[in-house]
C-alpha atoms as a PDB file:
ATOM      1  CA  UNK A   1      27.384  55.137  27.692  1.00  0.00           C
ATOM      2  CA  UNK A   2      30.916  54.978  29.308  1.00  0.00           C
ATOM      3  CA  UNK A   3      33.671  54.354  26.735  1.00  0.00           C
ATOM      4  CA  UNK A   4      34.404  50.833  28.461  1.00  0.00           C
ATOM      5  CA  UNK A   5      30.982  49.612  27.991  1.00  0.00           C
ATOM      6  CA  UNK A   6      32.335  47.204  25.360  1.00  0.00           C
ATOM      7  CA  UNK A   7      36.005  47.148  26.335  1.00  0.00           C
ATOM      8  CA  UNK A   8      35.650  44.400  28.988  1.00  0.00           C
ATOM      9  CA  UNK A   9      33.762  42.193  26.182  1.00  0.00           C
ATOM     10  CA  UNK A  10      36.011  42.366  23.162  1.00  0.00           C
ATOM     11  CA  UNK A  11      37.858  39.066  24.107  1.00  0.00           C
ATOM     12  CA  UNK A  12      34.696  37.431  24.922  1.00  0.00           C
ATOM     13  CA  UNK A  13      33.250  38.247  21.478  1.00  0.00           C
ATOM     14  CA  UNK A  14      36.410  37.223  19.683  1.00  0.00           C
ATOM     15  CA  UNK A  15      35.977  33.812  21.440  1.00  0.00           C
ATOM     16  CA  UNK A  16      32.373  33.742  20.811  1.00  0.00           C
ATOM     17  CA  UNK A  17      32.874  34.305  17.084  1.00  0.00           C
ATOM     18  CA  UNK A  18      35.809  31.776  16.993  1.00  0.00           C
ATOM     19  CA  UNK A  19      33.745  29.002  18.769  1.00  0.00           C
ATOM     20  CA  UNK A  20      30.748  29.573  16.502  1.00  0.00           C
ATOM     21  CA  UNK A  21      32.785  29.416  13.386  1.00  0.00           C
ATOM     22  CA  UNK A  22      34.338  25.976  14.548  1.00  0.00           C
ATOM     23  CA  UNK A  23      30.742  24.822  15.397  1.00  0.00           C
ATOM     24  CA  UNK A  24      29.660  25.861  11.911  1.00  0.00           C
ATOM     25  CA  UNK A  25      32.660  24.033  10.335  1.00  0.00           C
ATOM     26  CA  UNK A  26      32.059  20.951  12.340  1.00  0.00           C
ATOM     27  CA  UNK A  27      28.300  20.803  11.209  1.00  0.00           C
ATOM     28  CA  UNK A  28      29.498  21.691   7.598  1.00  0.00           C
ATOM     29  CA  UNK A  29      32.428  19.232   7.173  1.00  0.00           C
ATOM     30  CA  UNK A  30      31.849  16.403   9.800  1.00  0.00           C
ATOM     31  CA  UNK A  31      28.351  15.381   9.170  1.00  0.00           C
ATOM     32  CA  UNK A  32      28.310  11.588   8.750  1.00  0.00           C
ATOM     33  CA  UNK A  33      25.435  11.498   6.445  1.00  0.00           C
ATOM     34  CA  UNK A  34      26.766  13.353   3.474  1.00  0.00           C
ATOM     35  CA  UNK A  35      26.104  11.302   0.365  1.00  0.00           C
ATOM     36  CA  UNK A  36      22.851   9.827   2.011  1.00  0.00           C
ATOM     37  CA  UNK A  37      20.024   9.277  -0.602  1.00  0.00           C
ATOM     38  CA  UNK A  38      17.461  11.857  -1.234  1.00  0.00           C
ATOM     39  CA  UNK A  39      14.768   9.852   0.411  1.00  0.00           C
ATOM     40  CA  UNK A  40      16.865   9.207   3.689  1.00  0.00           C
ATOM     41  CA  UNK A  41      17.682  13.084   3.736  1.00  0.00           C
ATOM     42  CA  UNK A  42      14.083  13.867   3.332  1.00  0.00           C
ATOM     43  CA  UNK A  43      13.276  11.383   6.214  1.00  0.00           C
ATOM     44  CA  UNK A  44      15.609  13.148   8.362  1.00  0.00           C
ATOM     45  CA  UNK A  45      14.366  16.558   7.887  1.00  0.00           C
ATOM     46  CA  UNK A  46      10.689  15.119   8.465  1.00  0.00           C
ATOM     47  CA  UNK A  47      11.950  13.520  11.613  1.00  0.00           C
ATOM     48  CA  UNK A  48      13.367  16.740  12.711  1.00  0.00           C
ATOM     49  CA  UNK A  49      10.059  18.540  11.975  1.00  0.00           C
ATOM     50  CA  UNK A  50       8.086  15.883  14.147  1.00  0.00           C
ATOM     51  CA  UNK A  51      10.444  16.399  16.960  1.00  0.00           C
ATOM     52  CA  UNK A  52      10.061  20.184  16.763  1.00  0.00           C
ATOM     53  CA  UNK A  53       6.121  19.756  16.593  1.00  0.00           C
ATOM     54  CA  UNK A  54       6.159  17.610  19.707  1.00  0.00           C
ATOM     55  CA  UNK A  55       8.067  20.225  21.687  1.00  0.00           C
ATOM     56  CA  UNK A  56      11.413  18.403  21.640  1.00  0.00           C
ATOM     57  CA  UNK A  57      13.680  21.204  20.183  1.00  0.00           C
ATOM     58  CA  UNK A  58      17.047  19.551  21.400  1.00  0.00           C
ATOM     59  CA  UNK A  59      16.149  16.428  19.607  1.00  0.00           C
ATOM     60  CA  UNK A  60      14.963  18.306  16.531  1.00  0.00           C
ATOM     61  CA  UNK A  61      18.492  20.084  16.310  1.00  0.00           C
ATOM     62  CA  UNK A  62      20.493  17.069  16.753  1.00  0.00           C
ATOM     63  CA  UNK A  63      18.617  15.371  14.126  1.00  0.00           C
ATOM     64  CA  UNK A  64      18.851  18.425  11.820  1.00  0.00           C
ATOM     65  CA  UNK A  65      22.447  18.674  11.937  1.00  0.00           C
ATOM     66  CA  UNK A  66      22.929  14.945  10.494  1.00  0.00           C
ATOM     67  CA  UNK A  67      22.374  17.065   7.133  1.00  0.00           C
ATOM     68  CA  UNK A  68      24.521  19.634   5.489  1.00  0.00           C
ATOM     69  CA  UNK A  69      22.277  22.459   4.073  1.00  0.00           C
ATOM     70  CA  UNK A  70      24.817  23.499   1.453  1.00  0.00           C
ATOM     71  CA  UNK A  71      24.773  19.949  -0.154  1.00  0.00           C
ATOM     72  CA  UNK A  72      21.056  19.336  -0.092  1.00  0.00           C
ATOM     73  CA  UNK A  73      19.326  19.002  -3.645  1.00  0.00           C
ATOM     74  CA  UNK A  74      16.298  21.187  -4.402  1.00  0.00           C
ATOM     75  CA  UNK A  75      13.511  21.035  -3.223  1.00  0.00           C
ATOM     76  CA  UNK A  76      15.104  19.428   0.026  1.00  0.00           C
ATOM     77  CA  UNK A  77      16.958  22.459   0.569  1.00  0.00           C
ATOM     78  CA  UNK A  78      13.737  24.607   0.652  1.00  0.00           C
ATOM     79  CA  UNK A  79      11.959  21.980   2.887  1.00  0.00           C
ATOM     80  CA  UNK A  80      14.957  22.225   5.274  1.00  0.00           C
ATOM     81  CA  UNK A  81      14.842  26.014   5.315  1.00  0.00           C
ATOM     82  CA  UNK A  82      11.294  25.833   6.518  1.00  0.00           C
ATOM     83  CA  UNK A  83      12.529  23.617   9.308  1.00  0.00           C
ATOM     84  CA  UNK A  84      15.049  26.396  10.150  1.00  0.00           C
ATOM     85  CA  UNK A  85      12.519  29.041  10.258  1.00  0.00           C
ATOM     86  CA  UNK A  86       9.995  26.876  12.286  1.00  0.00           C
ATOM     87  CA  UNK A  87      12.910  26.330  14.879  1.00  0.00           C
ATOM     88  CA  UNK A  88      13.420  30.026  15.294  1.00  0.00           C
ATOM     89  CA  UNK A  89       9.600  30.574  15.602  1.00  0.00           C
ATOM     90  CA  UNK A  90       9.529  28.073  18.581  1.00  0.00           C
ATOM     91  CA  UNK A  91      13.142  29.223  19.908  1.00  0.00           C
ATOM     92  CA  UNK A  92      13.576  32.853  18.912  1.00  0.00           C
ATOM     93  CA  UNK A  93      17.228  33.906  18.561  1.00  0.00           C
ATOM     94  CA  UNK A  94      18.456  30.306  19.353  1.00  0.00           C
ATOM     95  CA  UNK A  95      22.231  30.323  18.521  1.00  0.00           C
ATOM     96  CA  UNK A  96      22.355  26.805  17.214  1.00  0.00           C
ATOM     97  CA  UNK A  97      19.544  27.145  14.784  1.00  0.00           C
ATOM     98  CA  UNK A  98      20.836  30.528  13.716  1.00  0.00           C
ATOM     99  CA  UNK A  99      24.093  28.947  12.936  1.00  0.00           C
ATOM    100  CA  UNK A 100      22.564  26.151  10.984  1.00  0.00           C
ATOM    101  CA  UNK A 101      20.480  28.572   9.080  1.00  0.00           C
ATOM    102  CA  UNK A 102      23.648  30.284   8.278  1.00  0.00           C
ATOM    103  CA  UNK A 103      24.849  27.244   6.167  1.00  0.00           C
ATOM    104  CA  UNK A 104      22.165  27.669   3.603  1.00  0.00           C
ATOM    105  CA  UNK A 105      22.793  29.696   0.426  1.00  0.00           C
ATOM    106  CA  UNK A 106      21.504  33.118   1.402  1.00  0.00           C
ATOM    107  CA  UNK A 107      19.759  33.574  -1.763  1.00  0.00           C
ATOM    108  CA  UNK A 108      17.224  30.918  -0.546  1.00  0.00           C
ATOM    109  CA  UNK A 109      15.738  33.310   1.816  1.00  0.00           C
ATOM    110  CA  UNK A 110      13.028  36.054   0.915  1.00  0.00           C
ATOM    111  CA  UNK A 111      13.781  39.470   1.714  1.00  0.00           C
ATOM    112  CA  UNK A 112      11.601  39.457   4.702  1.00  0.00           C
ATOM    113  CA  UNK A 113      13.126  36.251   6.004  1.00  0.00           C
ATOM    114  CA  UNK A 114      16.750  37.644   5.716  1.00  0.00           C
ATOM    115  CA  UNK A 115      15.844  40.785   7.744  1.00  0.00           C
ATOM    116  CA  UNK A 116      14.205  38.496  10.294  1.00  0.00           C
ATOM    117  CA  UNK A 117      17.156  36.239  10.324  1.00  0.00           C
ATOM    118  CA  UNK A 118      19.520  39.244  10.791  1.00  0.00           C
ATOM    119  CA  UNK A 119      17.265  40.558  13.606  1.00  0.00           C
ATOM    120  CA  UNK A 120      17.441  37.297  15.551  1.00  0.00           C
ATOM    121  CA  UNK A 121      21.086  36.881  14.993  1.00  0.00           C
ATOM    122  CA  UNK A 122      21.585  40.497  16.415  1.00  0.00           C
ATOM    123  CA  UNK A 123      19.328  39.548  19.350  1.00  0.00           C
ATOM    124  CA  UNK A 124      21.626  36.485  19.952  1.00  0.00           C
ATOM    125  CA  UNK A 125      24.878  38.631  19.838  1.00  0.00           C
ATOM    126  CA  UNK A 126      25.983  36.761  16.676  1.00  0.00           C
ATOM    127  CA  UNK A 127      26.558  40.133  14.930  1.00  0.00           C
ATOM    128  CA  UNK A 128      28.845  38.791  11.976  1.00  0.00           C
ATOM    129  CA  UNK A 129      26.144  36.208  11.140  1.00  0.00           C
ATOM    130  CA  UNK A 130      23.508  38.756  11.243  1.00  0.00           C
ATOM    131  CA  UNK A 131      25.481  41.084   9.098  1.00  0.00           C
ATOM    132  CA  UNK A 132      25.919  38.704   6.465  1.00  0.00           C
ATOM    133  CA  UNK A 133      22.068  38.310   5.930  1.00  0.00           C
ATOM    134  CA  UNK A 134      21.711  41.948   6.137  1.00  0.00           C
ATOM    135  CA  UNK A 135      24.085  42.836   3.535  1.00  0.00           C
ATOM    136  CA  UNK A 136      22.494  40.399   0.897  1.00  0.00           C
ATOM    137  CA  UNK A 137      19.275  42.308   1.604  1.00  0.00           C
ATOM    138  CA  UNK A 138      20.733  45.760   1.368  1.00  0.00           C
ATOM    139  CA  UNK A 139      19.741  46.525  -2.252  1.00  0.00           C
ATOM    140  CA  UNK A 140      16.473  44.714  -2.404  1.00  0.00           C
ATOM    141  CA  UNK A 141      13.258  46.621  -2.676  1.00  0.00           C
ATOM    142  CA  UNK A 142      11.424  46.983   0.575  1.00  0.00           C
ATOM    143  CA  UNK A 143      14.207  46.243   2.807  1.00  0.00           C
ATOM    144  CA  UNK A 144      15.383  49.760   3.532  1.00  0.00           C
ATOM    145  CA  UNK A 145      13.814  50.314   6.781  1.00  0.00           C
ATOM    146  CA  UNK A 146      14.709  47.095   8.471  1.00  0.00           C
ATOM    147  CA  UNK A 147      18.409  47.634   6.993  1.00  0.00           C
ATOM    148  CA  UNK A 148      18.558  51.010   8.505  1.00  0.00           C
ATOM    149  CA  UNK A 149      17.556  49.589  11.923  1.00  0.00           C
ATOM    150  CA  UNK A 150      19.971  46.904  11.574  1.00  0.00           C
ATOM    151  CA  UNK A 151      22.854  49.031  10.705  1.00  0.00           C
ATOM    152  CA  UNK A 152      21.923  51.118  13.803  1.00  0.00           C
ATOM    153  CA  UNK A 153      22.259  48.111  15.920  1.00  0.00           C
ATOM    154  CA  UNK A 154      25.397  47.200  14.337  1.00  0.00           C
ATOM    155  CA  UNK A 155      27.030  50.532  14.963  1.00  0.00           C
ATOM    156  CA  UNK A 156      25.913  50.421  18.524  1.00  0.00           C
ATOM    157  CA  UNK A 157      27.470  46.649  18.931  1.00  0.00           C
ATOM    158  CA  UNK A 158      30.530  48.212  18.077  1.00  0.00           C
ATOM    159  CA  UNK A 159      30.328  51.119  20.537  1.00  0.00           C
ATOM    160  CA  UNK A 160      30.001  53.746  17.816  1.00  0.00           C
ATOM    161  CA  UNK A 161      27.147  55.718  19.551  1.00  0.00           C
ATOM    162  CA  UNK A 162      27.259  58.697  17.410  1.00  0.00           C
ATOM    163  CA  UNK A 163      27.173  56.934  14.211  1.00  0.00           C
ATOM    164  CA  UNK A 164      24.017  55.114  15.353  1.00  0.00           C
ATOM    165  CA  UNK A 165      22.475  58.254  16.442  1.00  0.00           C
ATOM    166  CA  UNK A 166      23.205  60.169  13.263  1.00  0.00           C
ATOM    167  CA  UNK A 167      21.819  57.295  11.069  1.00  0.00           C
ATOM    168  CA  UNK A 168      18.596  57.098  12.912  1.00  0.00           C
ATOM    169  CA  UNK A 169      18.194  60.879  12.698  1.00  0.00           C
ATOM    170  CA  UNK A 170      18.949  60.888   9.095  1.00  0.00           C
ATOM    171  CA  UNK A 171      16.544  57.965   8.328  1.00  0.00           C
ATOM    172  CA  UNK A 172      13.694  59.533  10.505  1.00  0.00           C
ATOM    173  CA  UNK A 173      14.056  62.851   8.323  1.00  0.00           C
ATOM    174  CA  UNK A 174      14.187  60.868   5.015  1.00  0.00           C
ATOM    175  CA  UNK A 175      11.158  61.724   2.776  1.00  0.00           C
ATOM    176  CA  UNK A 176      11.571  58.218   1.113  1.00  0.00           C
ATOM    177  CA  UNK A 177      10.604  56.515   4.455  1.00  0.00           C
ATOM    178  CA  UNK A 178       7.087  54.926   4.080  1.00  0.00           C
ATOM    179  CA  UNK A 179       7.082  53.179   7.481  1.00  0.00           C
ATOM    180  CA  UNK A 180       5.879  55.179  10.764  1.00  0.00           C
ATOM    181  CA  UNK A 181       8.251  56.544  12.977  1.00  0.00           C
ATOM    182  CA  UNK A 182       7.416  54.294  16.201  1.00  0.00           C
ATOM    183  CA  UNK A 183      10.513  52.058  15.571  1.00  0.00           C
ATOM    184  CA  UNK A 184      12.836  54.801  15.091  1.00  0.00           C
ATOM    185  CA  UNK A 185      11.684  56.775  18.159  1.00  0.00           C
ATOM    186  CA  UNK A 186      12.011  53.477  20.030  1.00  0.00           C
ATOM    187  CA  UNK A 187      15.530  52.952  18.934  1.00  0.00           C
ATOM    188  CA  UNK A 188      16.325  56.543  19.578  1.00  0.00           C
ATOM    189  CA  UNK A 189      15.358  56.230  23.181  1.00  0.00           C
ATOM    190  CA  UNK A 190      17.264  53.098  23.513  1.00  0.00           C
ATOM    191  CA  UNK A 191      20.461  54.883  22.160  1.00  0.00           C
ATOM    192  CA  UNK A 192      19.624  57.724  24.726  1.00  0.00           C
ATOM    193  CA  UNK A 193      19.277  55.571  27.652  1.00  0.00           C
ATOM    194  CA  UNK A 194      22.358  53.611  27.024  1.00  0.00           C
ATOM    195  CA  UNK A 195      24.269  56.943  27.065  1.00  0.00           C
ATOM    196  CA  UNK A 196      22.588  57.907  30.473  1.00  0.00           C
ATOM    197  CA  UNK A 197      20.468  60.773  28.765  1.00  0.00           C
ATOM    198  CA  UNK A 198      17.545  59.573  30.830  1.00  0.00           C
ATOM    199  CA  UNK A 199      15.202  62.642  30.349  1.00  0.00           C
ATOM    200  CA  UNK A 200      15.709  62.230  26.400  1.00  0.00           C
ATOM    201  CA  UNK A 201      15.062  58.493  26.611  1.00  0.00           C
ATOM    202  CA  UNK A 202      11.951  58.875  28.812  1.00  0.00           C
ATOM    203  CA  UNK A 203      10.401  61.429  26.290  1.00  0.00           C
ATOM    204  CA  UNK A 204      11.343  59.283  23.316  1.00  0.00           C
ATOM    205  CA  UNK A 205       9.773  56.047  24.704  1.00  0.00           C
ATOM    206  CA  UNK A 206       6.697  57.961  25.519  1.00  0.00           C
ATOM    207  CA  UNK A 207       6.387  59.084  22.073  1.00  0.00           C
ATOM    208  CA  UNK A 208       7.230  55.534  20.580  1.00  0.00           C
ATOM    209  CA  UNK A 209       4.489  54.055  22.883  1.00  0.00           C
ATOM    210  CA  UNK A 210       1.952  56.003  20.997  1.00  0.00           C
ATOM    211  CA  UNK A 211       2.294  53.870  17.773  1.00  0.00           C
ATOM    212  CA  UNK A 212       0.287  51.124  19.308  1.00  0.00           C
ATOM    213  CA  UNK A 213      -0.052  49.259  16.022  1.00  0.00           C
ATOM    214  CA  UNK A 214       3.809  48.591  16.317  1.00  0.00           C
ATOM    215  CA  UNK A 215       5.519  45.863  18.368  1.00  0.00           C
ATOM    216  CA  UNK A 216       8.139  48.501  19.387  1.00  0.00           C
ATOM    217  CA  UNK A 217       5.390  50.350  21.267  1.00  0.00           C
ATOM    218  CA  UNK A 218       5.162  47.329  24.039  1.00  0.00           C
ATOM    219  CA  UNK A 219       8.862  47.483  24.367  1.00  0.00           C
ATOM    220  CA  UNK A 220       9.025  51.406  24.786  1.00  0.00           C
ATOM    221  CA  UNK A 221       6.550  51.084  27.486  1.00  0.00           C
ATOM    222  CA  UNK A 222       8.750  48.372  29.264  1.00  0.00           C
ATOM    223  CA  UNK A 223      11.879  50.342  28.909  1.00  0.00           C
ATOM    224  CA  UNK A 224      10.022  53.387  30.254  1.00  0.00           C
ATOM    225  CA  UNK A 225       8.728  51.495  33.280  1.00  0.00           C
ATOM    226  CA  UNK A 226      12.371  50.443  34.036  1.00  0.00           C
ATOM    227  CA  UNK A 227      13.803  53.887  34.000  1.00  0.00           C
ATOM    228  CA  UNK A 228      10.726  55.291  36.098  1.00  0.00           C
ATOM    229  CA  UNK A 229      11.104  52.495  38.973  1.00  0.00           C
ATOM    230  CA  UNK A 230      14.781  52.786  39.394  1.00  0.00           C
ATOM    231  CA  UNK A 231      17.408  55.228  37.899  1.00  0.00           C
ATOM    232  CA  UNK A 232      20.206  53.917  39.867  1.00  0.00           C
ATOM    233  CA  UNK A 233      23.162  52.085  38.420  1.00  0.00           C
ATOM    234  CA  UNK A 234      20.775  48.871  38.663  1.00  0.00           C
ATOM    235  CA  UNK A 235      18.946  50.385  35.668  1.00  0.00           C
ATOM    236  CA  UNK A 236      22.004  50.096  33.600  1.00  0.00           C
ATOM    237  CA  UNK A 237      22.930  46.679  34.562  1.00  0.00           C
ATOM    238  CA  UNK A 238      19.277  45.670  33.826  1.00  0.00           C
ATOM    239  CA  UNK A 239      19.207  46.996  30.369  1.00  0.00           C
ATOM    240  CA  UNK A 240      22.676  45.504  29.366  1.00  0.00           C
ATOM    241  CA  UNK A 241      20.694  42.148  30.026  1.00  0.00           C
ATOM    242  CA  UNK A 242      17.659  42.847  27.707  1.00  0.00           C
ATOM    243  CA  UNK A 243      17.230  41.165  24.380  1.00  0.00           C
ATOM    244  CA  UNK A 244      18.040  44.228  22.572  1.00  0.00           C
ATOM    245  CA  UNK A 245      21.565  44.366  24.233  1.00  0.00           C
ATOM    246  CA  UNK A 246      24.455  43.849  21.801  1.00  0.00           C
ATOM    247  CA  UNK A 247      25.968  41.744  24.471  1.00  0.00           C
ATOM    248  CA  UNK A 248      26.168  37.844  24.241  1.00  0.00           C
ATOM    249  CA  UNK A 249      24.025  35.913  26.440  1.00  0.00           C
ATOM    250  CA  UNK A 250      26.704  34.983  28.900  1.00  0.00           C
ATOM    251  CA  UNK A 251      27.420  38.774  29.611  1.00  0.00           C
ATOM    252  CA  UNK A 252      23.741  39.588  29.487  1.00  0.00           C
ATOM    253  CA  UNK A 253      23.282  36.986  32.386  1.00  0.00           C
ATOM    254  CA  UNK A 254      26.255  38.592  34.276  1.00  0.00           C
ATOM    255  CA  UNK A 255      24.901  42.041  33.978  1.00  0.00           C
ATOM    256  CA  UNK A 256      21.381  41.006  35.033  1.00  0.00           C
ATOM    257  CA  UNK A 257      22.979  39.156  38.197  1.00  0.00           C
ATOM    258  CA  UNK A 258      24.370  42.566  39.327  1.00  0.00           C
ATOM    259  CA  UNK A 259      20.795  44.003  39.850  1.00  0.00           C
ATOM    260  CA  UNK A 260      20.756  43.967  43.609  1.00  0.00           C
ATOM    261  CA  UNK A 261      17.744  42.341  45.526  1.00  0.00           C
ATOM    262  CA  UNK A 262      17.013  45.873  47.155  1.00  0.00           C
ATOM    263  CA  UNK A 263      16.162  47.264  43.484  1.00  0.00           C
ATOM    264  CA  UNK A 264      12.552  47.150  42.401  1.00  0.00           C
ATOM    265  CA  UNK A 265      14.097  45.751  39.164  1.00  0.00           C
ATOM    266  CA  UNK A 266      15.231  42.552  40.662  1.00  0.00           C
ATOM    267  CA  UNK A 267      12.281  40.490  39.791  1.00  0.00           C
ATOM    268  CA  UNK A 268      12.357  41.745  36.294  1.00  0.00           C
ATOM    269  CA  UNK A 269      16.031  40.902  36.085  1.00  0.00           C
ATOM    270  CA  UNK A 270      15.421  37.314  37.354  1.00  0.00           C
ATOM    271  CA  UNK A 271      12.646  36.871  34.740  1.00  0.00           C
ATOM    272  CA  UNK A 272      14.899  37.881  32.102  1.00  0.00           C
ATOM    273  CA  UNK A 273      17.563  35.614  33.411  1.00  0.00           C
ATOM    274  CA  UNK A 274      14.984  32.621  33.234  1.00  0.00           C
ATOM    275  CA  UNK A 275      14.341  33.665  29.712  1.00  0.00           C
ATOM    276  CA  UNK A 276      18.211  33.339  28.774  1.00  0.00           C
ATOM    277  CA  UNK A 277      18.248  29.809  30.555  1.00  0.00           C
ATOM    278  CA  UNK A 278      15.310  28.862  28.645  1.00  0.00           C
ATOM    279  CA  UNK A 279      16.951  29.670  25.376  1.00  0.00           C
ATOM    280  CA  UNK A 280      20.245  27.936  26.345  1.00  0.00           C
ATOM    281  CA  UNK A 281      18.280  24.840  27.328  1.00  0.00           C
ATOM    282  CA  UNK A 282      19.229  24.986  30.986  1.00  0.00           C
ATOM    283  CA  UNK A 283      15.982  23.994  32.527  1.00  0.00           C
ATOM    284  CA  UNK A 284      17.617  23.351  36.091  1.00  0.00           C
ATOM    285  CA  UNK A 285      18.568  26.878  36.073  1.00  0.00           C
ATOM    286  CA  UNK A 286      15.426  28.395  34.619  1.00  0.00           C
ATOM    287  CA  UNK A 287      13.398  26.369  37.287  1.00  0.00           C
ATOM    288  CA  UNK A 288      15.409  27.935  39.951  1.00  0.00           C
ATOM    289  CA  UNK A 289      14.946  31.392  38.686  1.00  0.00           C
ATOM    290  CA  UNK A 290      11.354  31.038  38.219  1.00  0.00           C
ATOM    291  CA  UNK A 291      10.858  29.573  41.796  1.00  0.00           C
ATOM    292  CA  UNK A 292      12.766  32.578  43.164  1.00  0.00           C
ATOM    293  CA  UNK A 293      10.712  35.212  41.172  1.00  0.00           C
ATOM    294  CA  UNK A 294       7.468  33.782  41.663  1.00  0.00           C
ATOM    295  CA  UNK A 295       7.522  34.236  45.517  1.00  0.00           C
ATOM    296  CA  UNK A 296       5.979  37.619  45.022  1.00  0.00           C
ATOM    297  CA  UNK A 297       2.950  37.530  42.609  1.00  0.00           C
ATOM    298  CA  UNK A 298       2.258  41.219  43.316  1.00  0.00           C
ATOM    299  CA  UNK A 299       4.940  41.918  40.442  1.00  0.00           C
ATOM    300  CA  UNK A 300       4.305  41.235  36.870  1.00  0.00           C
ATOM    301  CA  UNK A 301       7.505  39.046  36.582  1.00  0.00           C
ATOM    302  CA  UNK A 302       6.052  37.071  39.630  1.00  0.00           C
ATOM    303  CA  UNK A 303       2.702  36.358  37.999  1.00  0.00           C
ATOM    304  CA  UNK A 304       4.401  35.212  34.639  1.00  0.00           C
ATOM    305  CA  UNK A 305       6.826  32.999  36.559  1.00  0.00           C
ATOM    306  CA  UNK A 306       3.887  31.408  38.536  1.00  0.00           C
ATOM    307  CA  UNK A 307       2.134  30.716  35.309  1.00  0.00           C
ATOM    308  CA  UNK A 308       5.332  29.312  33.652  1.00  0.00           C
ATOM    309  CA  UNK A 309       6.009  26.974  36.631  1.00  0.00           C
ATOM    310  CA  UNK A 310       2.450  25.606  36.553  1.00  0.00           C
ATOM    311  CA  UNK A 311       2.844  24.864  32.931  1.00  0.00           C
ATOM    312  CA  UNK A 312       6.365  23.303  33.383  1.00  0.00           C
ATOM    313  CA  UNK A 313       6.046  21.407  36.753  1.00  0.00           C
ATOM    314  CA  UNK A 314       2.316  20.477  37.227  1.00  0.00           C
ATOM    315  CA  UNK A 315       0.721  20.003  33.814  1.00  0.00           C
ATOM    316  CA  UNK A 316       2.815  16.930  32.567  1.00  0.00           C
ATOM    317  CA  UNK A 317       1.954  14.871  35.610  1.00  0.00           C
ATOM    318  CA  UNK A 318      -0.294  16.710  37.844  1.00  0.00           C
ATOM    319  CA  UNK A 319      -2.996  18.758  35.742  1.00  0.00           C
ATOM    320  CA  UNK A 320      -5.252  19.271  38.782  1.00  0.00           C
ATOM    321  CA  UNK A 321      -2.610  21.163  40.527  1.00  0.00           C
ATOM    322  CA  UNK A 322      -1.936  23.051  37.493  1.00  0.00           C
ATOM    323  CA  UNK A 323      -5.539  23.979  37.268  1.00  0.00           C
ATOM    324  CA  UNK A 324      -5.595  24.952  40.825  1.00  0.00           C
ATOM    325  CA  UNK A 325      -2.488  27.319  40.198  1.00  0.00           C
ATOM    326  CA  UNK A 326      -3.984  28.807  37.255  1.00  0.00           C
ATOM    327  CA  UNK A 327      -7.313  29.607  39.153  1.00  0.00           C
ATOM    328  CA  UNK A 328      -5.573  31.157  42.092  1.00  0.00           C
ATOM    329  CA  UNK A 329      -3.732  33.489  39.664  1.00  0.00           C
ATOM    330  CA  UNK A 330      -7.003  34.374  38.173  1.00  0.00           C
ATOM    331  CA  UNK A 331      -8.839  34.940  41.451  1.00  0.00           C
ATOM    332  CA  UNK A 332      -6.318  37.838  42.242  1.00  0.00           C
ATOM    333  CA  UNK A 333      -5.459  39.258  38.951  1.00  0.00           C
ATOM    334  CA  UNK A 334      -8.049  39.352  36.001  1.00  0.00           C
ATOM    335  CA  UNK A 335      -6.092  41.238  33.316  1.00  0.00           C
ATOM    336  CA  UNK A 336      -2.576  41.139  31.583  1.00  0.00           C
ATOM    337  CA  UNK A 337      -0.505  38.502  29.934  1.00  0.00           C
ATOM    338  CA  UNK A 338      -0.350  35.889  32.778  1.00  0.00           C
ATOM    339  CA  UNK A 339      -4.123  36.081  33.398  1.00  0.00           C
ATOM    340  CA  UNK A 340      -4.689  35.625  29.774  1.00  0.00           C
ATOM    341  CA  UNK A 341      -2.300  32.536  29.734  1.00  0.00           C
ATOM    342  CA  UNK A 342      -3.864  31.075  32.691  1.00  0.00           C
ATOM    343  CA  UNK A 343      -7.280  31.424  31.096  1.00  0.00           C
ATOM    344  CA  UNK A 344      -6.208  29.731  27.985  1.00  0.00           C
ATOM    345  CA  UNK A 345      -4.206  26.701  29.860  1.00  0.00           C
ATOM    346  CA  UNK A 346      -7.520  26.375  32.023  1.00  0.00           C
ATOM    347  CA  UNK A 347      -9.574  25.774  28.789  1.00  0.00           C
ATOM    348  CA  UNK A 348      -6.948  23.568  27.162  1.00  0.00           C
ATOM    349  CA  UNK A 349      -6.992  21.376  30.452  1.00  0.00           C
ATOM    350  CA  UNK A 350     -10.736  21.239  30.433  1.00  0.00           C
ATOM    351  CA  UNK A 351     -10.842  20.275  26.776  1.00  0.00           C
ATOM    352  CA  UNK A 352      -8.068  17.559  27.420  1.00  0.00           C
ATOM    353  CA  UNK A 353      -6.010  19.326  24.440  1.00  0.00           C
ATOM    354  CA  UNK A 354      -2.513  20.612  25.974  1.00  0.00           C
ATOM    355  CA  UNK A 355      -1.040  23.335  23.797  1.00  0.00           C
ATOM    356  CA  UNK A 356       2.577  24.552  23.738  1.00  0.00           C
ATOM    357  CA  UNK A 357       1.902  27.964  24.938  1.00  0.00           C
ATOM    358  CA  UNK A 358       4.588  30.106  27.028  1.00  0.00           C
ATOM    359  CA  UNK A 359       3.637  33.204  28.877  1.00  0.00           C
END
């Protein structure tokens, strides 16, 4: 990858870190409900859980920040930490929830939870926060593999490509490693592609995709598809906008916007942009992007967008229209994620039991 890959993002990273630090301070020191009784604090947490279960993520967060995790008595702190994890399950890599979870004593999290929180923080571009959890889990038994992968991502986020590659090579050859090589191969391919070594990346993604029992196999296939359908500059603008990118969401969006309409990757870029808007809570922009990409359902992003629009626009008030949209999708395409989602929504609508499912 060219040396200036992160040069234009440094000031943005500094500002982002300062902004999130100030937000954490505001939550930690300005909460009006400090000193509230245990029963009242418990009621607040329960209320946030109810909002979350009802799909009202924004209300859940605004309720949660009324309490300061650092000052909660046990077992309320444990109860609140479950809220934080549930919120990230509902909204993966949500920056506000990651920052709220960062206020807890790191010892409250299990090893697996610390590694998952680190990964989600990295996915959100919050590398200082992710590093905090990662360092707490460094010396715990069973953390080595996750820790090594996170260290690779941290090195890459700082532009230290050689260090990242050497760490992956060393870990891959380490006889103490008990995990399969699929995830290592995926990240080796990721590093190769970011450094414009397309042939090496293609080979590594192909090898990683063979480990079908690992989630990284699907991501390897998706990356390989991207480099096969467009190897121009649009490819690099596109991968800079993907979830694994070390860039903050604002720069991910900017990079995706550079993918030209003439590129076969354009609908994929629009879909990824809609996911960033969804995570940011910008529903209007998400709808505009979905409407744009859904115009052509011959593409996978077009089918995903069609299913998502039916869920967002029609189901709440026009369930018959939603049913018709799902059925049209199934008439043309019977396999894949969008049709499976459409089948599940049709069944839910027929049963009268709406579900919170997202394609």
